[in-house]
Amino acid sequence: MFFMSLKYDLHSHSTASDGSWCPEELVKMAGRQQVDVLALTDHDTTAGITEAMQAAASQGLKFIPGVEISVSWRKQTVHIVGLNIDPSCKLLQQGLEKLRGFRDWRAEEIGRKLEKSGVNNALEGARAYAKGSLITRTHFAHYLVEKGLAKDVRDVFKKFLIRNKPGHVAGQWADLDQAVGWIRSAGGQAVIAHPARYRMTSTKLKKLISDFVECGGECIEVVSSSHSRDERHIMAGFARTYGLHASCGSDYHGPENPWVHLGKFADFPEGCTPVWESERWKAPTEISVLR
């Protein structure tokens, strides 16, 4: 077992996308959880980075600017995290702006489809839960739970938002090579996020990893709050086989998921090389970067 001397959490979300805490509150929570190094990786936006970075600087927590990019690969949505990105990168921001444009259209389409199925005011309800500019499926889920149409967020996805359900809208996201290219152009390192969560066959997951490496991807999230012990060991094996560095993150969104805590997850299995030991890992970003 590889034990970390510092507590890293390299996957978290704020109200800039679908998290429950604003960036400053998220950083303060990380401090209370004794996280030493935190990455903010909101979905398809870097809007929360400046606020988070300032909060981290004020309390001595080391901060890594990041993003989580939505990707369409072989008719399936996967997520690619970018770590140590430069948020001012024009190519990255142009790409993210297109994805947010699709998110705006998708939210309206989900609202229309749910309305047809008998769920009234779904878009307005989701918008009330969105504390930032992005409206995500999670915001719709919170509204449907509030209306008593499902017992929790997971139940909403099963009943309403996945394929062949009334509120499903297929993703039209970035290509894999585009997402990795944007991250690399921003000086960052690309990471396959929570790979076990995609429920792919071993053959298909190997193909995803192979394509990712071919595009210039460097890391895989071995440790995630959604990974079981066996899945961590499988992902560690893939990291070794494909020469990828290992990343770790809670994928924390907020207190509504009480089984997920910032910085609280298992250590790496044996044989992993952490991303922060890679040659291209940068020192935690100083606040001057965004001035």
C-alpha atoms as a PDB file:
ATOM      1  CA  MET A   1       0.000   0.000   0.000  1.00  0.00           C
ATOM      2  CA  PHE A   2       1.339   3.459  -0.964  1.00  0.00           C
ATOM      3  CA  PHE A   3       0.785   5.935   1.880  1.00  0.00           C
ATOM      4  CA  MET A   4       0.611   9.682   1.126  1.00  0.00           C
ATOM      5  CA  SER A   5       2.581  12.013   3.411  1.00  0.00           C
ATOM      6  CA  LEU A   6       0.333  14.910   2.387  1.00  0.00           C
ATOM      7  CA  LYS A   7      -3.421  14.622   1.961  1.00  0.00           C
ATOM      8  CA  TYR A   8      -4.330  15.282  -1.665  1.00  0.00           C
ATOM      9  CA  ASP A   9      -7.806  15.651  -3.138  1.00  0.00           C
ATOM     10  CA  LEU A  10      -7.556  16.255  -6.869  1.00  0.00           C
ATOM     11  CA  HIS A  11     -11.237  16.090  -7.863  1.00  0.00           C
ATOM     12  CA  SER A  12     -13.887  18.369  -6.336  1.00  0.00           C
ATOM     13  CA  HIS A  13     -16.794  20.590  -7.380  1.00  0.00           C
ATOM     14  CA  SER A  14     -18.257  23.937  -6.367  1.00  0.00           C
ATOM     15  CA  THR A  15     -21.358  25.967  -7.199  1.00  0.00           C
ATOM     16  CA  ALA A  16     -19.576  27.052 -10.380  1.00  0.00           C
ATOM     17  CA  SER A  17     -20.939  23.750 -11.736  1.00  0.00           C
ATOM     18  CA  ASP A  18     -22.997  21.254  -9.718  1.00  0.00           C
ATOM     19  CA  GLY A  19     -21.450  21.405  -6.261  1.00  0.00           C
ATOM     20  CA  SER A  20     -23.309  22.639  -3.179  1.00  0.00           C
ATOM     21  CA  TRP A  21     -20.605  24.887  -1.713  1.00  0.00           C
ATOM     22  CA  CYS A  22     -19.257  28.071  -3.255  1.00  0.00           C
ATOM     23  CA  PRO A  23     -15.506  27.878  -4.003  1.00  0.00           C
ATOM     24  CA  GLU A  24     -14.538  29.694  -0.801  1.00  0.00           C
ATOM     25  CA  GLU A  25     -16.724  27.427   1.342  1.00  0.00           C
ATOM     26  CA  LEU A  26     -15.321  24.355  -0.420  1.00  0.00           C
ATOM     27  CA  VAL A  27     -11.758  25.405   0.378  1.00  0.00           C
ATOM     28  CA  LYS A  28     -12.669  26.074   4.016  1.00  0.00           C
ATOM     29  CA  MET A  29     -14.268  22.627   4.194  1.00  0.00           C
ATOM     30  CA  ALA A  30     -11.093  21.122   2.765  1.00  0.00           C
ATOM     31  CA  GLY A  31      -9.104  22.853   5.468  1.00  0.00           C
ATOM     32  CA  ARG A  32     -11.364  21.448   8.166  1.00  0.00           C
ATOM     33  CA  GLN A  33     -10.866  17.998   6.656  1.00  0.00           C
ATOM     34  CA  GLN A  34      -7.085  18.560   6.875  1.00  0.00           C
ATOM     35  CA  VAL A  35      -6.598  18.401   3.113  1.00  0.00           C
ATOM     36  CA  ASP A  36      -3.136  19.716   2.211  1.00  0.00           C
ATOM     37  CA  VAL A  37      -3.524  19.984  -1.582  1.00  0.00           C
ATOM     38  CA  LEU A  38      -6.906  20.594  -3.253  1.00  0.00           C
ATOM     39  CA  ALA A  39      -7.858  20.747  -6.931  1.00  0.00           C
ATOM     40  CA  LEU A  40     -11.108  22.399  -8.006  1.00  0.00           C
ATOM     41  CA  THR A  41     -12.357  20.554 -11.105  1.00  0.00           C
ATOM     42  CA  ASP A  42     -15.774  21.927 -12.014  1.00  0.00           C
ATOM     43  CA  HIS A  43     -17.638  20.577 -15.023  1.00  0.00           C
ATOM     44  CA  ASP A  44     -16.742  22.449 -18.234  1.00  0.00           C
ATOM     45  CA  THR A  45     -15.923  25.712 -16.449  1.00  0.00           C
ATOM     46  CA  THR A  46     -13.072  27.409 -14.616  1.00  0.00           C
ATOM     47  CA  ALA A  47     -15.304  30.136 -13.166  1.00  0.00           C
ATOM     48  CA  GLY A  48     -14.634  29.176  -9.544  1.00  0.00           C
ATOM     49  CA  ILE A  49     -10.848  29.049  -9.702  1.00  0.00           C
ATOM     50  CA  THR A  50     -10.004  32.637  -8.748  1.00  0.00           C
ATOM     51  CA  GLU A  51     -12.243  32.594  -5.667  1.00  0.00           C
ATOM     52  CA  ALA A  52     -10.934  29.192  -4.589  1.00  0.00           C
ATOM     53  CA  MET A  53      -7.332  30.207  -5.131  1.00  0.00           C
ATOM     54  CA  GLN A  54      -7.738  33.344  -3.050  1.00  0.00           C
ATOM     55  CA  ALA A  55      -9.398  31.384  -0.241  1.00  0.00           C
ATOM     56  CA  ALA A  56      -6.632  28.775  -0.327  1.00  0.00           C
ATOM     57  CA  ALA A  57      -3.927  31.453  -0.185  1.00  0.00           C
ATOM     58  CA  SER A  58      -5.564  33.082   2.843  1.00  0.00           C
ATOM     59  CA  GLN A  59      -5.443  29.883   4.894  1.00  0.00           C
ATOM     60  CA  GLY A  60      -2.256  28.267   3.649  1.00  0.00           C
ATOM     61  CA  LEU A  61      -3.867  25.424   1.710  1.00  0.00           C
ATOM     62  CA  LYS A  62      -2.085  24.456  -1.502  1.00  0.00           C
ATOM     63  CA  PHE A  63      -4.329  24.829  -4.534  1.00  0.00           C
ATOM     64  CA  ILE A  64      -4.318  23.187  -7.968  1.00  0.00           C
ATOM     65  CA  PRO A  65      -6.438  24.827 -10.701  1.00  0.00           C
ATOM     66  CA  GLY A  66      -8.368  22.224 -12.643  1.00  0.00           C
ATOM     67  CA  VAL A  67     -11.402  21.371 -14.753  1.00  0.00           C
ATOM     68  CA  GLU A  68     -13.489  18.305 -15.620  1.00  0.00           C
ATOM     69  CA  ILE A  69     -14.282  18.144 -19.338  1.00  0.00           C
ATOM     70  CA  SER A  70     -17.245  16.224 -20.735  1.00  0.00           C
ATOM     71  CA  VAL A  71     -16.292  13.937 -23.628  1.00  0.00           C
ATOM     72  CA  SER A  72     -18.250  11.817 -26.093  1.00  0.00           C
ATOM     73  CA  TRP A  73     -16.329   8.632 -26.883  1.00  0.00           C
ATOM     74  CA  ARG A  74     -17.887   5.756 -28.826  1.00  0.00           C
ATOM     75  CA  LYS A  75     -21.414   6.970 -28.031  1.00  0.00           C
ATOM     76  CA  GLN A  76     -20.642   7.109 -24.306  1.00  0.00           C
ATOM     77  CA  THR A  77     -19.982  10.090 -22.053  1.00  0.00           C
ATOM     78  CA  VAL A  78     -16.691  10.029 -20.166  1.00  0.00           C
ATOM     79  CA  HIS A  79     -14.982  12.726 -18.115  1.00  0.00           C
ATOM     80  CA  ILE A  80     -11.415  13.949 -18.440  1.00  0.00           C
ATOM     81  CA  VAL A  81      -9.957  15.980 -15.584  1.00  0.00           C
ATOM     82  CA  GLY A  82      -7.302  18.595 -16.272  1.00  0.00           C
ATOM     83  CA  LEU A  83      -4.860  19.379 -13.452  1.00  0.00           C
ATOM     84  CA  ASN A  84      -2.472  22.318 -13.199  1.00  0.00           C
ATOM     85  CA  ILE A  85      -4.190  24.157 -16.036  1.00  0.00           C
ATOM     86  CA  ASP A  86      -3.705  27.799 -16.916  1.00  0.00           C
ATOM     87  CA  PRO A  87      -7.289  29.148 -16.862  1.00  0.00           C
ATOM     88  CA  SER A  88      -6.327  32.018 -19.156  1.00  0.00           C
ATOM     89  CA  CYS A  89      -5.575  29.635 -22.053  1.00  0.00           C
ATOM     90  CA  LYS A  90      -7.658  30.855 -25.004  1.00  0.00           C
ATOM     91  CA  LEU A  91      -8.010  27.452 -26.685  1.00  0.00           C
ATOM     92  CA  LEU A  92      -9.239  25.859 -23.457  1.00  0.00           C
ATOM     93  CA  GLN A  93     -11.762  28.612 -22.814  1.00  0.00           C
ATOM     94  CA  GLN A  94     -13.097  28.505 -26.366  1.00  0.00           C
ATOM     95  CA  GLY A  95     -13.667  24.771 -26.038  1.00  0.00           C
ATOM     96  CA  LEU A  96     -15.352  25.063 -22.651  1.00  0.00           C
ATOM     97  CA  GLU A  97     -17.606  27.842 -23.928  1.00  0.00           C
ATOM     98  CA  LYS A  98     -18.953  25.519 -26.646  1.00  0.00           C
ATOM     99  CA  LEU A  99     -19.669  22.806 -24.077  1.00  0.00           C
ATOM    100  CA  ARG A 100     -21.517  25.255 -21.844  1.00  0.00           C
ATOM    101  CA  GLY A 101     -23.580  26.312 -24.851  1.00  0.00           C
ATOM    102  CA  PHE A 102     -24.651  22.713 -25.308  1.00  0.00           C
ATOM    103  CA  ARG A 103     -25.397  22.457 -21.580  1.00  0.00           C
ATOM    104  CA  ASP A 104     -27.765  25.445 -21.862  1.00  0.00           C
ATOM    105  CA  TRP A 105     -29.613  23.797 -24.767  1.00  0.00           C
ATOM    106  CA  ARG A 106     -29.679  20.424 -22.997  1.00  0.00           C
ATOM    107  CA  ALA A 107     -31.215  21.933 -19.855  1.00  0.00           C
ATOM    108  CA  GLU A 108     -34.031  23.418 -21.918  1.00  0.00           C
ATOM    109  CA  GLU A 109     -34.542  20.109 -23.737  1.00  0.00           C
ATOM    110  CA  ILE A 110     -34.621  18.110 -20.493  1.00  0.00           C
ATOM    111  CA  GLY A 111     -37.194  20.566 -19.159  1.00  0.00           C
ATOM    112  CA  ARG A 112     -39.346  20.126 -22.286  1.00  0.00           C
ATOM    113  CA  LYS A 113     -39.143  16.334 -22.157  1.00  0.00           C
ATOM    114  CA  LEU A 114     -39.968  16.167 -18.460  1.00  0.00           C
ATOM    115  CA  GLU A 115     -42.892  18.540 -19.023  1.00  0.00           C
ATOM    116  CA  LYS A 116     -44.266  16.137 -21.651  1.00  0.00           C
ATOM    117  CA  SER A 117     -43.991  13.293 -19.146  1.00  0.00           C
ATOM    118  CA  GLY A 118     -46.015  15.207 -16.559  1.00  0.00           C
ATOM    119  CA  VAL A 119     -43.290  16.910 -14.515  1.00  0.00           C
ATOM    120  CA  ASN A 120     -44.229  20.591 -14.419  1.00  0.00           C
ATOM    121  CA  ASN A 121     -41.773  23.499 -14.114  1.00  0.00           C
ATOM    122  CA  ALA A 122     -38.736  21.205 -14.132  1.00  0.00           C
ATOM    123  CA  LEU A 123     -36.428  23.749 -15.784  1.00  0.00           C
ATOM    124  CA  GLU A 124     -37.439  26.491 -13.353  1.00  0.00           C
ATOM    125  CA  GLY A 125     -37.005  24.075 -10.468  1.00  0.00           C
ATOM    126  CA  ALA A 126     -33.556  23.035 -11.632  1.00  0.00           C
ATOM    127  CA  ARG A 127     -32.573  26.654 -12.153  1.00  0.00           C
ATOM    128  CA  ALA A 128     -33.486  27.404  -8.528  1.00  0.00           C
ATOM    129  CA  TYR A 129     -30.942  24.794  -7.401  1.00  0.00           C
ATOM    130  CA  ALA A 130     -28.204  26.087  -9.715  1.00  0.00           C
ATOM    131  CA  LYS A 131     -26.206  28.616  -7.720  1.00  0.00           C
ATOM    132  CA  GLY A 132     -23.917  29.330 -10.680  1.00  0.00           C
ATOM    133  CA  SER A 133     -24.607  29.813 -14.386  1.00  0.00           C
ATOM    134  CA  LEU A 134     -24.589  26.093 -15.279  1.00  0.00           C
ATOM    135  CA  ILE A 135     -27.722  23.966 -15.033  1.00  0.00           C
ATOM    136  CA  THR A 136     -26.840  20.271 -14.800  1.00  0.00           C
ATOM    137  CA  ARG A 137     -28.767  17.023 -14.517  1.00  0.00           C
ATOM    138  CA  THR A 138     -27.927  17.044 -10.802  1.00  0.00           C
ATOM    139  CA  HIS A 139     -29.945  20.241 -10.396  1.00  0.00           C
ATOM    140  CA  PHE A 140     -32.922  18.589 -12.090  1.00  0.00           C
ATOM    141  CA  ALA A 141     -32.440  15.613  -9.788  1.00  0.00           C
ATOM    142  CA  HIS A 142     -32.599  17.772  -6.662  1.00  0.00           C
ATOM    143  CA  TYR A 143     -35.843  19.326  -7.893  1.00  0.00           C
ATOM    144  CA  LEU A 144     -37.440  15.943  -8.636  1.00  0.00           C
ATOM    145  CA  VAL A 145     -36.477  14.701  -5.164  1.00  0.00           C
ATOM    146  CA  GLU A 146     -38.033  17.856  -3.689  1.00  0.00           C
ATOM    147  CA  LYS A 147     -41.242  17.097  -5.600  1.00  0.00           C
ATOM    148  CA  GLY A 148     -41.343  13.601  -4.141  1.00  0.00           C
ATOM    149  CA  LEU A 149     -40.848  11.890  -7.495  1.00  0.00           C
ATOM    150  CA  ALA A 150     -37.780   9.965  -6.345  1.00  0.00           C
ATOM    151  CA  LYS A 151     -36.167   9.072  -3.025  1.00  0.00           C
ATOM    152  CA  ASP A 152     -32.720  10.510  -3.823  1.00  0.00           C
ATOM    153  CA  VAL A 153     -30.514  11.818  -6.637  1.00  0.00           C
ATOM    154  CA  ARG A 154     -29.439   8.341  -7.728  1.00  0.00           C
ATOM    155  CA  ASP A 155     -33.062   7.276  -7.947  1.00  0.00           C
ATOM    156  CA  VAL A 156     -33.849  10.269 -10.177  1.00  0.00           C
ATOM    157  CA  PHE A 157     -31.157   9.270 -12.649  1.00  0.00           C
ATOM    158  CA  LYS A 158     -32.475   5.704 -12.784  1.00  0.00           C
ATOM    159  CA  LYS A 159     -36.094   6.769 -13.272  1.00  0.00           C
ATOM    160  CA  PHE A 160     -35.785   9.902 -15.396  1.00  0.00           C
ATOM    161  CA  LEU A 161     -32.376  10.856 -16.787  1.00  0.00           C
ATOM    162  CA  ILE A 162     -30.597   7.831 -18.235  1.00  0.00           C
ATOM    163  CA  ARG A 163     -31.082   6.309 -21.679  1.00  0.00           C
ATOM    164  CA  ASN A 164     -34.672   5.297 -22.506  1.00  0.00           C
ATOM    165  CA  LYS A 165     -36.074   7.360 -19.616  1.00  0.00           C
ATOM    166  CA  PRO A 166     -38.352  10.409 -20.086  1.00  0.00           C
ATOM    167  CA  GLY A 167     -35.776  13.112 -19.354  1.00  0.00           C
ATOM    168  CA  HIS A 168     -32.796  11.618 -21.168  1.00  0.00           C
ATOM    169  CA  VAL A 169     -30.957  13.828 -23.653  1.00  0.00           C
ATOM    170  CA  ALA A 170     -27.881  12.348 -25.309  1.00  0.00           C
ATOM    171  CA  GLY A 171     -24.626  14.212 -24.721  1.00  0.00           C
ATOM    172  CA  GLN A 172     -22.877  16.027 -27.561  1.00  0.00           C
ATOM    173  CA  TRP A 173     -19.551  16.726 -25.937  1.00  0.00           C
ATOM    174  CA  ALA A 174     -15.928  17.215 -26.925  1.00  0.00           C
ATOM    175  CA  ASP A 175     -13.996  14.515 -28.744  1.00  0.00           C
ATOM    176  CA  LEU A 176     -11.367  12.791 -26.619  1.00  0.00           C
ATOM    177  CA  ASP A 177      -8.463  14.254 -28.579  1.00  0.00           C
ATOM    178  CA  GLN A 178      -9.997  17.730 -28.318  1.00  0.00           C
ATOM    179  CA  ALA A 179     -10.333  17.574 -24.532  1.00  0.00           C
ATOM    180  CA  VAL A 180      -6.811  16.278 -24.005  1.00  0.00           C
ATOM    181  CA  GLY A 181      -5.507  18.869 -26.470  1.00  0.00           C
ATOM    182  CA  TRP A 182      -7.206  21.731 -24.615  1.00  0.00           C
ATOM    183  CA  ILE A 183      -5.726  20.571 -21.323  1.00  0.00           C
ATOM    184  CA  ARG A 184      -2.237  20.211 -22.775  1.00  0.00           C
ATOM    185  CA  SER A 185      -2.496  23.623 -24.461  1.00  0.00           C
ATOM    186  CA  ALA A 186      -3.290  25.040 -21.017  1.00  0.00           C
ATOM    187  CA  GLY A 187      -0.104  23.445 -19.653  1.00  0.00           C
ATOM    188  CA  GLY A 188      -2.039  20.830 -17.699  1.00  0.00           C
ATOM    189  CA  GLN A 189      -2.077  17.084 -17.264  1.00  0.00           C
ATOM    190  CA  ALA A 190      -5.056  15.048 -18.475  1.00  0.00           C
ATOM    191  CA  VAL A 191      -6.607  12.421 -16.198  1.00  0.00           C
ATOM    192  CA  ILE A 192      -9.305   9.827 -16.925  1.00  0.00           C
ATOM    193  CA  ALA A 193     -11.837  10.514 -14.151  1.00  0.00           C
ATOM    194  CA  HIS A 194     -13.412   7.665 -12.117  1.00  0.00           C
ATOM    195  CA  PRO A 195     -12.904   5.059 -14.890  1.00  0.00           C
ATOM    196  CA  ALA A 196     -14.653   2.208 -13.074  1.00  0.00           C
ATOM    197  CA  ARG A 197     -17.876   4.220 -12.963  1.00  0.00           C
ATOM    198  CA  TYR A 198     -18.427   3.893 -16.704  1.00  0.00           C
ATOM    199  CA  ARG A 199     -19.308   0.190 -16.362  1.00  0.00           C
ATOM    200  CA  MET A 200     -17.402  -0.670 -19.526  1.00  0.00           C
ATOM    201  CA  THR A 201     -16.191  -4.126 -20.381  1.00  0.00           C
ATOM    202  CA  SER A 202     -12.497  -4.641 -19.763  1.00  0.00           C
ATOM    203  CA  THR A 203     -11.885  -4.648 -23.515  1.00  0.00           C
ATOM    204  CA  LYS A 204     -13.693  -1.346 -24.046  1.00  0.00           C
ATOM    205  CA  LEU A 205     -11.973   0.310 -21.077  1.00  0.00           C
ATOM    206  CA  LYS A 206      -8.591  -0.789 -22.412  1.00  0.00           C
ATOM    207  CA  LYS A 207      -9.481   0.803 -25.747  1.00  0.00           C
ATOM    208  CA  LEU A 208     -10.460   4.037 -24.002  1.00  0.00           C
ATOM    209  CA  ILE A 209      -7.157   4.106 -22.126  1.00  0.00           C
ATOM    210  CA  SER A 210      -5.210   3.281 -25.293  1.00  0.00           C
ATOM    211  CA  ASP A 211      -6.924   6.096 -27.230  1.00  0.00           C
ATOM    212  CA  PHE A 212      -6.367   8.454 -24.277  1.00  0.00           C
ATOM    213  CA  VAL A 213      -2.627   7.692 -24.193  1.00  0.00           C
ATOM    214  CA  GLU A 214      -2.407   8.128 -27.966  1.00  0.00           C
ATOM    215  CA  CYS A 215      -3.946  11.614 -27.568  1.00  0.00           C
ATOM    216  CA  GLY A 216      -1.324  12.587 -24.985  1.00  0.00           C
ATOM    217  CA  GLY A 217      -3.160  11.705 -21.782  1.00  0.00           C
ATOM    218  CA  GLU A 218      -0.911  11.051 -18.811  1.00  0.00           C
ATOM    219  CA  CYS A 219      -2.906   9.980 -15.758  1.00  0.00           C
ATOM    220  CA  ILE A 220      -5.756   7.818 -14.523  1.00  0.00           C
ATOM    221  CA  GLU A 221      -7.844   8.267 -11.388  1.00  0.00           C
ATOM    222  CA  VAL A 222      -6.968   5.100  -9.496  1.00  0.00           C
ATOM    223  CA  VAL A 223      -8.554   6.138  -6.214  1.00  0.00           C
ATOM    224  CA  SER A 224     -12.053   7.633  -6.266  1.00  0.00           C
ATOM    225  CA  SER A 225     -14.965   7.701  -3.859  1.00  0.00           C
ATOM    226  CA  SER A 226     -16.885   5.619  -6.419  1.00  0.00           C
ATOM    227  CA  HIS A 227     -14.194   2.904  -6.695  1.00  0.00           C
ATOM    228  CA  SER A 228     -14.307  -0.297  -4.661  1.00  0.00           C
ATOM    229  CA  ARG A 229     -11.151  -1.965  -3.337  1.00  0.00           C
ATOM    230  CA  ASP A 230     -11.083  -4.370  -6.286  1.00  0.00           C
ATOM    231  CA  GLU A 231     -11.632  -1.542  -8.755  1.00  0.00           C
ATOM    232  CA  ARG A 232      -8.732   0.430  -7.262  1.00  0.00           C
ATOM    233  CA  HIS A 233      -6.430  -2.524  -7.811  1.00  0.00           C
ATOM    234  CA  ILE A 234      -7.686  -3.007 -11.367  1.00  0.00           C
ATOM    235  CA  MET A 235      -7.106   0.671 -12.181  1.00  0.00           C
ATOM    236  CA  ALA A 236      -3.663   0.516 -10.579  1.00  0.00           C
ATOM    237  CA  GLY A 237      -2.890  -2.387 -12.917  1.00  0.00           C
ATOM    238  CA  PHE A 238      -3.980  -0.336 -15.923  1.00  0.00           C
ATOM    239  CA  ALA A 239      -1.804   2.562 -14.739  1.00  0.00           C
ATOM    240  CA  ARG A 240       1.227   0.283 -14.639  1.00  0.00           C
ATOM    241  CA  THR A 241       0.437  -1.386 -17.957  1.00  0.00           C
ATOM    242  CA  TYR A 242      -0.040   1.856 -19.866  1.00  0.00           C
ATOM    243  CA  GLY A 243       2.636   3.879 -18.074  1.00  0.00           C
ATOM    244  CA  LEU A 244       0.148   6.331 -16.543  1.00  0.00           C
ATOM    245  CA  HIS A 245       0.544   8.285 -13.344  1.00  0.00           C
ATOM    246  CA  ALA A 246      -2.075   7.702 -10.658  1.00  0.00           C
ATOM    247  CA  SER A 247      -4.430  10.383  -9.381  1.00  0.00           C
ATOM    248  CA  CYS A 248      -6.869  10.422  -6.474  1.00  0.00           C
ATOM    249  CA  GLY A 249      -9.974  12.428  -5.707  1.00  0.00           C
ATOM    250  CA  SER A 250     -13.191  12.349  -3.765  1.00  0.00           C
ATOM    251  CA  ASP A 251     -15.347  13.819  -6.566  1.00  0.00           C
ATOM    252  CA  TYR A 252     -16.917  15.792  -3.715  1.00  0.00           C
ATOM    253  CA  HIS A 253     -20.092  17.715  -4.562  1.00  0.00           C
ATOM    254  CA  GLY A 254     -21.516  18.518  -1.139  1.00  0.00           C
ATOM    255  CA  PRO A 255     -23.145  17.202   2.032  1.00  0.00           C
ATOM    256  CA  GLU A 256     -26.083  15.658   0.144  1.00  0.00           C
ATOM    257  CA  ASN A 257     -23.757  12.698  -0.520  1.00  0.00           C
ATOM    258  CA  PRO A 258     -22.817  11.879   3.106  1.00  0.00           C
ATOM    259  CA  TRP A 259     -20.667   8.899   2.101  1.00  0.00           C
ATOM    260  CA  VAL A 260     -18.238  11.198   0.230  1.00  0.00           C
ATOM    261  CA  HIS A 261     -15.805  13.400   2.185  1.00  0.00           C
ATOM    262  CA  LEU A 262     -13.096  15.739   0.973  1.00  0.00           C
ATOM    263  CA  GLY A 263      -9.710  14.066   1.254  1.00  0.00           C
ATOM    264  CA  LYS A 264     -11.126  10.888   2.747  1.00  0.00           C
ATOM    265  CA  PHE A 265     -10.444   7.828   0.617  1.00  0.00           C
ATOM    266  CA  ALA A 266      -8.142   4.823   0.427  1.00  0.00           C
ATOM    267  CA  ASP A 267      -4.415   4.968  -0.277  1.00  0.00           C
ATOM    268  CA  PHE A 268      -2.955   3.923  -3.608  1.00  0.00           C
ATOM    269  CA  PRO A 269      -2.312   0.225  -4.184  1.00  0.00           C
ATOM    270  CA  GLU A 270       1.315  -0.870  -4.470  1.00  0.00           C
ATOM    271  CA  GLY A 271       3.186   0.047  -7.630  1.00  0.00           C
ATOM    272  CA  CYS A 272       1.432   3.342  -8.380  1.00  0.00           C
ATOM    273  CA  THR A 273       3.389   6.470  -9.249  1.00  0.00           C
ATOM    274  CA  PRO A 274       1.379   9.485  -8.058  1.00  0.00           C
ATOM    275  CA  VAL A 275       0.770  12.313 -10.488  1.00  0.00           C
ATOM    276  CA  TRP A 276       2.553  14.735  -8.160  1.00  0.00           C
ATOM    277  CA  GLU A 277       5.751  12.747  -8.659  1.00  0.00           C
ATOM    278  CA  SER A 278       5.649  13.219 -12.432  1.00  0.00           C
ATOM    279  CA  GLU A 279       8.239  15.412 -14.128  1.00  0.00           C
ATOM    280  CA  ARG A 280       5.570  17.824 -15.363  1.00  0.00           C
ATOM    281  CA  TRP A 281       3.826  18.305 -12.012  1.00  0.00           C
ATOM    282  CA  LYS A 282       3.910  21.957 -11.047  1.00  0.00           C
ATOM    283  CA  ALA A 283       4.283  23.435  -7.622  1.00  0.00           C
ATOM    284  CA  PRO A 284       0.879  24.398  -6.191  1.00  0.00           C
ATOM    285  CA  THR A 285      -0.250  27.570  -7.899  1.00  0.00           C
ATOM    286  CA  GLU A 286       0.342  30.956  -6.315  1.00  0.00           C
ATOM    287  CA  ILE A 287      -2.417  33.564  -6.366  1.00  0.00           C
ATOM    288  CA  SER A 288      -0.348  35.763  -8.740  1.00  0.00           C
ATOM    289  CA  VAL A 289      -1.071  33.369 -11.629  1.00  0.00           C
ATOM    290  CA  LEU A 290      -4.535  34.817 -12.206  1.00  0.00           C
ATOM    291  CA  ARG A 291      -3.734  38.485 -11.628  1.00  0.00           C
END
